[in-house]
């Protein structure tokens, strides 16, 4: 079945523009191929996709080695904000880039809602 990349792109753009303090988002395959993205200018979509898939893969191995079970999300915090990686079914990884001022509880709820919408398009 073909994935509607135009619809995915629209969902990602709406998520970024409609969610406070979100600076970018991308949906990538577990192999690191971009399915859709709405990233800040200057970010290479293919490079971001490859790094996101690698981080999720490594996180899953760490979870197994440390007996933490399956990984729900990977949270990377830096001086300028944070990145959140979340699985989106078996076929995709959802990356969200947020500013330091983002309210994490609200952001997690918005991510959960966006995941529902993205999963419908991926079916």
N, C-alpha and C. Protein backbone atom coordinates (compact mmCIF):
# COMPACT_ATOMS: atom_id res chain seq x y z
N UNK A 1 0.83 -1.19 0.00
CA UNK A 1 0.00 0.00 0.00
C UNK A 1 0.87 1.25 0.00
N UNK A 2 0.52 2.22 -0.81
CA UNK A 2 1.28 3.47 -0.91
C UNK A 2 0.94 4.39 0.26
N UNK A 3 1.95 5.07 0.75
CA UNK A 3 1.76 6.02 1.85
C UNK A 3 1.50 7.39 1.23
N UNK A 4 0.51 8.07 1.74
CA UNK A 4 0.17 9.41 1.27
C UNK A 4 1.12 10.42 1.91
N UNK A 5 2.25 10.66 1.25
CA UNK A 5 3.27 11.55 1.81
C UNK A 5 2.80 12.99 1.88
N UNK A 6 1.91 13.37 0.97
CA UNK A 6 1.37 14.74 1.01
C UNK A 6 0.55 14.94 2.29
N UNK A 7 -0.26 13.94 2.63
CA UNK A 7 -1.07 14.01 3.86
C UNK A 7 -0.17 14.02 5.10
N UNK A 8 0.88 13.18 5.09
CA UNK A 8 1.83 13.17 6.21
C UNK A 8 2.47 14.54 6.38
N UNK A 9 2.90 15.14 5.27
CA UNK A 9 3.52 16.46 5.32
C UNK A 9 2.59 17.51 5.89
N UNK A 10 1.32 17.44 5.52
CA UNK A 10 0.33 18.38 6.02
C UNK A 10 0.13 18.21 7.53
N UNK A 11 0.06 16.96 7.98
CA UNK A 11 -0.10 16.70 9.42
C UNK A 11 1.10 17.25 10.19
N UNK A 12 2.29 17.01 9.67
CA UNK A 12 3.50 17.50 10.34
C UNK A 12 3.55 19.02 10.37
N UNK A 13 3.22 19.67 9.27
CA UNK A 13 3.21 21.14 9.24
C UNK A 13 2.19 21.71 10.22
N UNK A 14 1.01 21.11 10.27
CA UNK A 14 -0.02 21.57 11.21
C UNK A 14 0.42 21.36 12.65
N UNK A 15 1.10 20.24 12.91
CA UNK A 15 1.60 19.97 14.26
C UNK A 15 2.62 21.03 14.67
N UNK A 16 3.56 21.33 13.78
CA UNK A 16 4.62 22.30 14.09
C UNK A 16 4.03 23.70 14.27
N UNK A 17 3.16 24.10 13.36
CA UNK A 17 2.61 25.46 13.43
C UNK A 17 1.57 25.62 14.54
N UNK A 18 0.91 24.53 14.92
CA UNK A 18 -0.16 24.63 15.90
C UNK A 18 0.19 24.23 17.32
N UNK A 19 1.43 23.82 17.54
CA UNK A 19 1.84 23.38 18.88
C UNK A 19 2.86 24.37 19.43
N UNK A 20 2.55 25.01 20.56
CA UNK A 20 3.47 25.99 21.12
C UNK A 20 4.87 25.42 21.38
N UNK A 21 5.87 26.18 21.02
CA UNK A 21 7.28 25.88 21.27
C UNK A 21 7.84 24.70 20.47
N UNK A 22 7.07 24.16 19.54
CA UNK A 22 7.61 23.11 18.65
C UNK A 22 8.27 23.80 17.47
N UNK A 23 9.50 23.41 17.20
CA UNK A 23 10.29 24.04 16.13
C UNK A 23 10.38 23.18 14.88
N UNK A 24 10.10 21.90 15.00
CA UNK A 24 10.18 21.03 13.85
C UNK A 24 9.70 19.63 14.19
N UNK A 25 9.42 18.86 13.12
CA UNK A 25 8.98 17.48 13.30
C UNK A 25 9.30 16.71 12.03
N UNK A 26 9.52 15.40 12.19
CA UNK A 26 9.77 14.55 11.04
C UNK A 26 9.25 13.15 11.34
N UNK A 27 8.89 12.46 10.28
CA UNK A 27 8.48 11.06 10.37
C UNK A 27 9.41 10.28 9.46
N UNK A 28 10.07 9.28 10.02
CA UNK A 28 11.09 8.53 9.27
C UNK A 28 10.86 7.03 9.43
N UNK A 29 11.39 6.27 8.49
CA UNK A 29 11.31 4.81 8.59
C UNK A 29 12.36 4.34 9.59
N UNK A 30 12.20 3.12 10.14
CA UNK A 30 13.22 2.59 11.04
C UNK A 30 14.59 2.45 10.35
N UNK A 31 14.59 2.42 9.02
CA UNK A 31 15.86 2.36 8.28
C UNK A 31 16.49 3.73 8.08
N UNK A 32 15.79 4.79 8.46
CA UNK A 32 16.35 6.13 8.36
C UNK A 32 15.98 6.90 7.11
N UNK A 33 14.93 6.47 6.42
CA UNK A 33 14.48 7.18 5.23
C UNK A 33 13.35 8.14 5.61
N UNK A 34 13.39 9.38 5.10
CA UNK A 34 12.34 10.34 5.46
C UNK A 34 11.00 10.01 4.79
N UNK A 35 9.94 10.06 5.57
CA UNK A 35 8.58 9.91 5.05
C UNK A 35 7.92 11.28 4.90
N UNK A 36 8.30 12.20 5.78
CA UNK A 36 7.78 13.56 5.75
C UNK A 36 8.48 14.37 6.81
N UNK A 37 8.55 15.68 6.60
CA UNK A 37 9.24 16.53 7.58
C UNK A 37 8.78 17.97 7.47
N UNK A 38 8.84 18.64 8.60
CA UNK A 38 8.66 20.08 8.68
C UNK A 38 9.73 20.55 9.66
N UNK A 39 10.93 20.77 9.11
CA UNK A 39 12.10 21.07 9.93
C UNK A 39 12.53 22.52 9.76
N UNK A 40 13.24 23.06 10.76
CA UNK A 40 13.76 24.41 10.63
C UNK A 40 14.72 24.51 9.44
N UNK A 41 14.80 25.67 8.85
CA UNK A 41 15.70 25.90 7.72
C UNK A 41 17.13 25.52 8.05
N UNK A 42 17.81 24.96 7.09
CA UNK A 42 19.20 24.58 7.27
C UNK A 42 19.39 23.16 7.76
N UNK A 43 18.34 22.49 8.16
CA UNK A 43 18.46 21.09 8.60
C UNK A 43 18.26 20.18 7.40
N UNK A 44 19.17 19.24 7.25
CA UNK A 44 19.11 18.27 6.16
C UNK A 44 18.17 17.14 6.55
N UNK A 45 17.05 17.04 5.83
CA UNK A 45 16.01 16.05 6.14
C UNK A 45 16.54 14.63 6.14
N UNK A 46 17.37 14.29 5.17
CA UNK A 46 17.90 12.92 5.10
C UNK A 46 18.86 12.62 6.24
N UNK A 47 19.67 13.59 6.60
CA UNK A 47 20.62 13.40 7.70
C UNK A 47 19.88 13.26 9.04
N UNK A 48 18.90 14.13 9.24
CA UNK A 48 18.09 14.07 10.47
C UNK A 48 17.37 12.73 10.56
N UNK A 49 16.85 12.26 9.43
CA UNK A 49 16.13 10.97 9.40
C UNK A 49 17.05 9.82 9.78
N UNK A 50 18.23 9.80 9.20
CA UNK A 50 19.19 8.73 9.49
C UNK A 50 19.60 8.75 10.96
N UNK A 51 19.88 9.93 11.51
CA UNK A 51 20.28 10.03 12.92
C UNK A 51 19.14 9.60 13.85
N UNK A 52 17.92 9.98 13.51
CA UNK A 52 16.76 9.63 14.35
C UNK A 52 16.58 8.13 14.42
N UNK A 53 16.65 7.47 13.28
CA UNK A 53 16.49 6.01 13.26
C UNK A 53 17.63 5.33 14.04
N UNK A 54 18.83 5.84 13.91
CA UNK A 54 19.98 5.27 14.64
C UNK A 54 19.80 5.44 16.15
N UNK A 55 19.33 6.63 16.56
CA UNK A 55 19.12 6.85 18.00
C UNK A 55 18.06 5.92 18.56
N UNK A 56 16.97 5.73 17.83
CA UNK A 56 15.92 4.85 18.32
C UNK A 56 16.42 3.41 18.40
N UNK A 57 17.16 2.98 17.41
CA UNK A 57 17.70 1.62 17.40
C UNK A 57 18.63 1.42 18.60
N UNK A 58 19.51 2.37 18.83
CA UNK A 58 20.44 2.28 19.96
C UNK A 58 19.67 2.32 21.28
N UNK A 59 18.66 3.18 21.37
CA UNK A 59 17.84 3.25 22.58
C UNK A 59 17.15 1.94 22.89
N UNK A 60 16.66 1.27 21.84
CA UNK A 60 16.00 -0.02 22.05
C UNK A 60 16.99 -1.06 22.57
N UNK A 61 18.21 -1.05 22.03
CA UNK A 61 19.23 -2.00 22.52
C UNK A 61 19.62 -1.69 23.96
N UNK A 62 19.73 -0.42 24.31
CA UNK A 62 20.05 -0.04 25.68
C UNK A 62 18.93 -0.49 26.61
N UNK A 63 17.67 -0.29 26.19
CA UNK A 63 16.53 -0.72 26.99
C UNK A 63 16.56 -2.20 27.28
N UNK A 64 16.93 -3.00 26.27
CA UNK A 64 17.01 -4.45 26.47
C UNK A 64 18.15 -4.80 27.41
N UNK A 65 19.33 -4.22 27.18
CA UNK A 65 20.50 -4.54 28.00
C UNK A 65 20.30 -4.15 29.47
N UNK A 66 19.59 -3.05 29.69
CA UNK A 66 19.38 -2.58 31.06
C UNK A 66 18.06 -3.08 31.66
N UNK A 67 17.43 -4.02 30.97
CA UNK A 67 16.17 -4.62 31.44
C UNK A 67 15.09 -3.58 31.72
N UNK A 68 14.96 -2.61 30.82
CA UNK A 68 13.94 -1.57 30.97
C UNK A 68 12.71 -1.84 30.12
N UNK A 69 12.71 -2.90 29.35
CA UNK A 69 11.57 -3.21 28.49
C UNK A 69 11.61 -2.40 27.21
N UNK A 70 10.49 -2.38 26.51
CA UNK A 70 10.48 -1.65 25.25
C UNK A 70 10.44 -0.14 25.52
N UNK A 71 11.11 0.59 24.67
CA UNK A 71 11.29 2.03 24.85
C UNK A 71 10.06 2.78 24.33
N UNK A 72 9.53 3.66 25.14
CA UNK A 72 8.39 4.50 24.75
C UNK A 72 8.87 5.72 23.97
N UNK A 73 9.94 6.34 24.46
CA UNK A 73 10.47 7.54 23.80
C UNK A 73 11.90 7.77 24.24
N UNK A 74 12.60 8.51 23.42
CA UNK A 74 13.96 8.94 23.75
C UNK A 74 13.94 10.46 23.80
N UNK A 75 14.47 10.99 24.87
CA UNK A 75 14.42 12.42 25.15
C UNK A 75 15.86 12.92 25.23
N UNK A 76 16.22 13.85 24.35
CA UNK A 76 17.57 14.42 24.36
C UNK A 76 17.44 15.91 24.65
N UNK A 77 18.04 16.33 25.75
CA UNK A 77 17.95 17.73 26.15
C UNK A 77 19.29 18.42 25.96
N UNK A 78 19.26 19.59 25.34
CA UNK A 78 20.47 20.38 25.12
C UNK A 78 20.26 21.81 25.58
N UNK A 79 21.25 22.64 25.40
CA UNK A 79 21.18 24.04 25.81
C UNK A 79 20.07 24.81 25.09
N UNK A 80 19.78 24.44 23.86
CA UNK A 80 18.82 25.19 23.04
C UNK A 80 17.45 24.52 22.92
N UNK A 81 17.21 23.47 23.69
CA UNK A 81 15.92 22.79 23.62
C UNK A 81 16.09 21.29 23.65
N UNK A 82 15.08 20.60 23.18
CA UNK A 82 15.18 19.15 23.22
C UNK A 82 14.55 18.49 22.01
N UNK A 83 14.92 17.22 21.84
CA UNK A 83 14.41 16.36 20.78
C UNK A 83 13.75 15.17 21.43
N UNK A 84 12.61 14.78 20.89
CA UNK A 84 11.89 13.63 21.41
C UNK A 84 11.64 12.68 20.26
N UNK A 85 12.07 11.45 20.43
CA UNK A 85 11.84 10.40 19.44
C UNK A 85 10.82 9.41 20.01
N UNK A 86 9.80 9.11 19.22
CA UNK A 86 8.76 8.19 19.65
C UNK A 86 8.45 7.25 18.50
N UNK A 87 8.27 5.98 18.80
CA UNK A 87 7.85 5.04 17.77
C UNK A 87 6.45 5.38 17.29
N UNK A 88 6.21 5.20 16.00
CA UNK A 88 4.89 5.45 15.40
C UNK A 88 4.49 4.18 14.68
N UNK A 89 4.08 3.18 15.44
CA UNK A 89 3.81 1.87 14.87
C UNK A 89 5.11 1.16 14.57
N UNK A 90 5.04 0.11 13.76
CA UNK A 90 6.23 -0.67 13.41
C UNK A 90 7.01 -0.03 12.26
N UNK A 91 6.35 0.87 11.53
CA UNK A 91 6.93 1.35 10.28
C UNK A 91 7.48 2.76 10.31
N UNK A 92 7.46 3.43 11.47
CA UNK A 92 7.91 4.82 11.47
C UNK A 92 8.38 5.27 12.86
N UNK A 93 9.18 6.34 12.84
CA UNK A 93 9.69 7.00 14.03
C UNK A 93 9.31 8.47 13.93
N UNK A 94 8.74 9.03 14.99
CA UNK A 94 8.31 10.42 15.02
C UNK A 94 9.31 11.23 15.82
N UNK A 95 9.89 12.24 15.19
CA UNK A 95 10.86 13.14 15.83
C UNK A 95 10.21 14.50 16.03
N UNK A 96 10.35 15.04 17.23
CA UNK A 96 9.84 16.38 17.53
C UNK A 96 10.99 17.21 18.11
N UNK A 97 11.17 18.41 17.57
CA UNK A 97 12.16 19.36 18.08
C UNK A 97 11.41 20.47 18.79
N UNK A 98 11.75 20.73 20.04
CA UNK A 98 11.04 21.74 20.83
C UNK A 98 12.03 22.67 21.51
N UNK A 99 11.58 23.89 21.77
CA UNK A 99 12.42 24.87 22.46
C UNK A 99 12.51 24.53 23.95
N UNK A 100 13.45 25.14 24.59
CA UNK A 100 13.68 24.93 26.02
C UNK A 100 12.46 25.33 26.86
N UNK A 101 11.66 26.28 26.35
CA UNK A 101 10.52 26.79 27.12
C UNK A 101 9.25 25.94 26.98
N UNK A 102 9.30 24.89 26.20
CA UNK A 102 8.10 24.05 25.99
C UNK A 102 7.67 23.39 27.30
N UNK A 103 6.39 23.36 27.52
CA UNK A 103 5.84 22.67 28.69
C UNK A 103 5.74 21.19 28.34
N UNK A 104 6.52 20.38 29.03
CA UNK A 104 6.69 18.99 28.64
C UNK A 104 5.40 18.17 28.72
N UNK A 105 4.58 18.39 29.72
CA UNK A 105 3.34 17.64 29.84
C UNK A 105 2.40 17.92 28.67
N UNK A 106 2.25 19.19 28.33
CA UNK A 106 1.40 19.58 27.20
C UNK A 106 1.98 19.03 25.91
N UNK A 107 3.29 19.12 25.76
CA UNK A 107 3.94 18.62 24.56
C UNK A 107 3.73 17.11 24.39
N UNK A 108 3.85 16.35 25.45
CA UNK A 108 3.65 14.90 25.38
C UNK A 108 2.21 14.57 24.96
N UNK A 109 1.26 15.34 25.45
CA UNK A 109 -0.14 15.14 25.05
C UNK A 109 -0.32 15.45 23.56
N UNK A 110 0.29 16.53 23.09
CA UNK A 110 0.19 16.89 21.68
C UNK A 110 0.86 15.84 20.79
N UNK A 111 1.97 15.30 21.26
CA UNK A 111 2.65 14.23 20.51
C UNK A 111 1.75 13.00 20.43
N UNK A 112 1.12 12.66 21.53
CA UNK A 112 0.22 11.50 21.55
C UNK A 112 -0.92 11.69 20.53
N UNK A 113 -1.48 12.88 20.47
CA UNK A 113 -2.56 13.16 19.53
C UNK A 113 -2.06 13.11 18.09
N UNK A 114 -0.88 13.65 17.84
CA UNK A 114 -0.31 13.63 16.49
C UNK A 114 -0.01 12.19 16.06
N UNK A 115 0.45 11.37 16.98
CA UNK A 115 0.73 9.97 16.66
C UNK A 115 -0.52 9.23 16.19
N UNK A 116 -1.64 9.50 16.84
CA UNK A 116 -2.90 8.87 16.42
C UNK A 116 -3.22 9.22 14.97
N UNK A 117 -3.06 10.48 14.65
CA UNK A 117 -3.37 10.96 13.31
C UNK A 117 -2.39 10.39 12.28
N UNK A 118 -1.11 10.35 12.63
CA UNK A 118 -0.08 9.82 11.71
C UNK A 118 -0.29 8.33 11.47
N UNK A 119 -0.61 7.60 12.52
CA UNK A 119 -0.81 6.14 12.38
C UNK A 119 -1.96 5.82 11.44
N UNK A 120 -3.00 6.65 11.45
CA UNK A 120 -4.12 6.44 10.53
C UNK A 120 -3.68 6.54 9.07
N UNK A 121 -2.79 7.47 8.78
CA UNK A 121 -2.30 7.66 7.42
C UNK A 121 -1.36 6.52 7.02
N UNK A 122 -0.63 5.97 7.99
CA UNK A 122 0.33 4.89 7.69
C UNK A 122 -0.34 3.54 7.50
N UNK A 123 -1.60 3.38 7.89
CA UNK A 123 -2.28 2.09 7.77
C UNK A 123 -2.55 1.73 6.33
